[in-house]
Amino acid sequence: MPRVTFLHYGETSGDVDMNLSLLEAAKSLGLPLNHDCGGNASCTTCRVEVQAGLDQLSEIDFDEQDLLDREALSEPRHRLACQARVLGDVIVRVPGSKWETPRPETAETQGVDIR
């Protein structure tokens, strides 16, 4: 079974079934990844950045690439979690704004001196 690691407000990883989408893998690991279009490749809310294992994901298709290009996210490391299928071990970073329930920022995490 491939191991998927999500980097977000820490690190969450686990073994998932082969050929799951990254979105399905996130759900199976209990991570609330946004997907406003329902996982139909109609938006980019589930975008992730592949940190390692790009070759362990399914090939990008025309529709996915078109959506990413429209958002100026044409680097190969950008993928839509609803479309990228897991073929092997992979590490992806999820931008904090893409999570359904982001942790509230505190003065400490914002670098504000509260003294």
Protein backbone atom coordinates (compact mmCIF):
# COMPACT_ATOMS: atom_id res chain seq x y z
CA MET A 1 0.00 0.00 0.00
CA PRO A 2 1.29 3.45 -0.85
CA ARG A 3 2.01 5.93 1.93
CA VAL A 4 0.63 9.44 1.54
CA THR A 5 1.89 12.30 3.68
CA PHE A 6 0.00 15.57 3.90
CA LEU A 7 1.89 18.60 5.15
CA HIS A 8 -0.46 21.21 6.54
CA TYR A 9 -0.43 22.46 10.14
CA GLY A 10 1.88 19.60 10.90
CA GLU A 11 2.17 16.24 9.23
CA THR A 12 -0.41 13.52 8.74
CA SER A 13 0.42 10.35 6.90
CA GLY A 14 -0.88 6.89 6.40
CA ASP A 15 -1.14 3.96 4.06
CA VAL A 16 -3.94 4.17 1.51
CA ASP A 17 -5.29 1.92 -1.20
CA MET A 18 -3.65 2.18 -4.59
CA ASN A 19 -5.46 4.34 -7.16
CA LEU A 20 -7.35 6.49 -4.65
CA SER A 21 -7.40 10.17 -5.53
CA LEU A 22 -5.49 12.40 -3.14
CA LEU A 23 -8.88 13.80 -2.12
CA GLU A 24 -10.11 10.30 -1.22
CA ALA A 25 -6.82 9.62 0.57
CA ALA A 26 -7.24 12.81 2.63
CA LYS A 27 -10.77 11.76 3.59
CA SER A 28 -9.59 8.28 4.58
CA LEU A 29 -6.96 9.86 6.86
CA GLY A 30 -9.52 12.20 8.43
CA LEU A 31 -8.31 15.40 6.76
CA PRO A 32 -11.03 17.87 5.70
CA LEU A 33 -9.71 18.96 2.30
CA ASN A 34 -11.89 21.53 0.52
CA HIS A 35 -13.50 20.50 -2.75
CA ASP A 36 -16.17 23.04 -3.63
CA CYS A 37 -17.11 21.34 -6.92
CA GLY A 38 -17.59 17.95 -5.27
CA GLY A 39 -14.38 16.53 -6.72
CA ASN A 40 -15.42 17.00 -10.36
CA ALA A 41 -12.41 19.02 -11.61
CA SER A 42 -14.49 22.19 -11.97
CA CYS A 43 -12.59 24.38 -9.50
CA THR A 44 -9.17 24.49 -7.86
CA THR A 45 -10.10 24.46 -4.18
CA CYS A 46 -8.47 21.04 -3.68
CA ARG A 47 -5.13 22.13 -5.15
CA VAL A 48 -2.03 20.67 -3.53
CA GLU A 49 1.70 21.06 -4.11
CA VAL A 50 3.61 17.82 -4.58
CA GLN A 51 6.80 17.87 -2.50
CA ALA A 52 7.98 14.34 -3.34
CA GLY A 53 6.73 11.48 -5.45
CA LEU A 54 5.36 13.40 -8.43
CA ASP A 55 6.05 10.33 -10.56
CA GLN A 56 3.95 8.28 -8.10
CA LEU A 57 0.75 10.07 -9.14
CA SER A 58 -1.38 9.47 -12.21
CA GLU A 59 -0.60 11.60 -15.24
CA ILE A 60 -2.28 14.97 -15.45
CA ASP A 61 -5.05 15.14 -18.04
CA PHE A 62 -6.09 18.04 -20.27
CA ASP A 63 -9.01 19.23 -18.09
CA GLU A 64 -6.93 19.32 -14.91
CA GLN A 65 -4.07 21.13 -16.65
CA ASP A 66 -6.49 23.62 -18.18
CA LEU A 67 -7.94 24.50 -14.77
CA LEU A 68 -4.50 24.88 -13.23
CA ASP A 69 -3.30 27.03 -16.14
CA ARG A 70 -6.29 29.35 -15.73
CA GLU A 71 -5.23 29.91 -12.11
CA ALA A 72 -1.57 30.45 -13.13
CA LEU A 73 -0.61 27.19 -11.40
CA SER A 74 1.11 25.54 -14.34
CA GLU A 75 4.16 24.16 -12.52
CA PRO A 76 4.19 20.33 -12.56
CA ARG A 77 4.15 20.21 -8.74
CA HIS A 78 0.61 21.67 -8.64
CA ARG A 79 -2.14 19.07 -8.82
CA LEU A 80 -5.84 18.86 -8.09
CA ALA A 81 -6.35 16.38 -5.26
CA CYS A 82 -9.61 15.21 -6.83
CA GLN A 83 -7.82 14.16 -10.02
CA ALA A 84 -4.36 12.95 -8.95
CA ARG A 85 -4.48 9.22 -8.24
CA VAL A 86 -1.98 7.61 -5.86
CA LEU A 87 0.31 5.02 -7.47
CA GLY A 88 3.06 5.02 -4.83
CA ASP A 89 4.47 6.98 -1.91
CA VAL A 90 3.88 10.72 -2.13
CA ILE A 91 4.27 13.83 0.01
CA VAL A 92 2.02 16.81 -0.67
CA ARG A 93 1.69 20.24 0.91
CA VAL A 94 -1.77 21.70 1.30
CA PRO A 95 -1.95 25.49 1.49
CA GLY A 96 -3.57 26.45 4.80
CA SER A 97 -6.38 28.35 3.12
CA LYS A 98 -7.51 25.17 1.37
CA TRP A 99 -8.58 23.38 4.57
CA GLU A 100 -12.22 23.48 5.63
CA THR A 101 -11.43 24.14 9.27
CA PRO A 102 -8.15 26.03 9.55
CA ARG A 103 -6.78 26.55 13.01
CA PRO A 104 -7.42 30.04 14.31
CA GLU A 105 -4.31 32.17 14.13
CA THR A 106 -3.05 33.40 17.44
CA ALA A 107 -0.84 36.37 18.16
CA GLU A 108 2.03 33.93 18.60
CA THR A 109 1.59 32.26 15.17
CA GLN A 110 1.26 35.68 13.51
CA GLY A 111 4.58 36.79 15.00
CA VAL A 112 2.96 39.50 17.10
CA ASP A 113 4.72 40.45 20.30
CA ILE A 114 1.99 40.49 22.96
CA ARG A 115 4.24 41.70 25.80
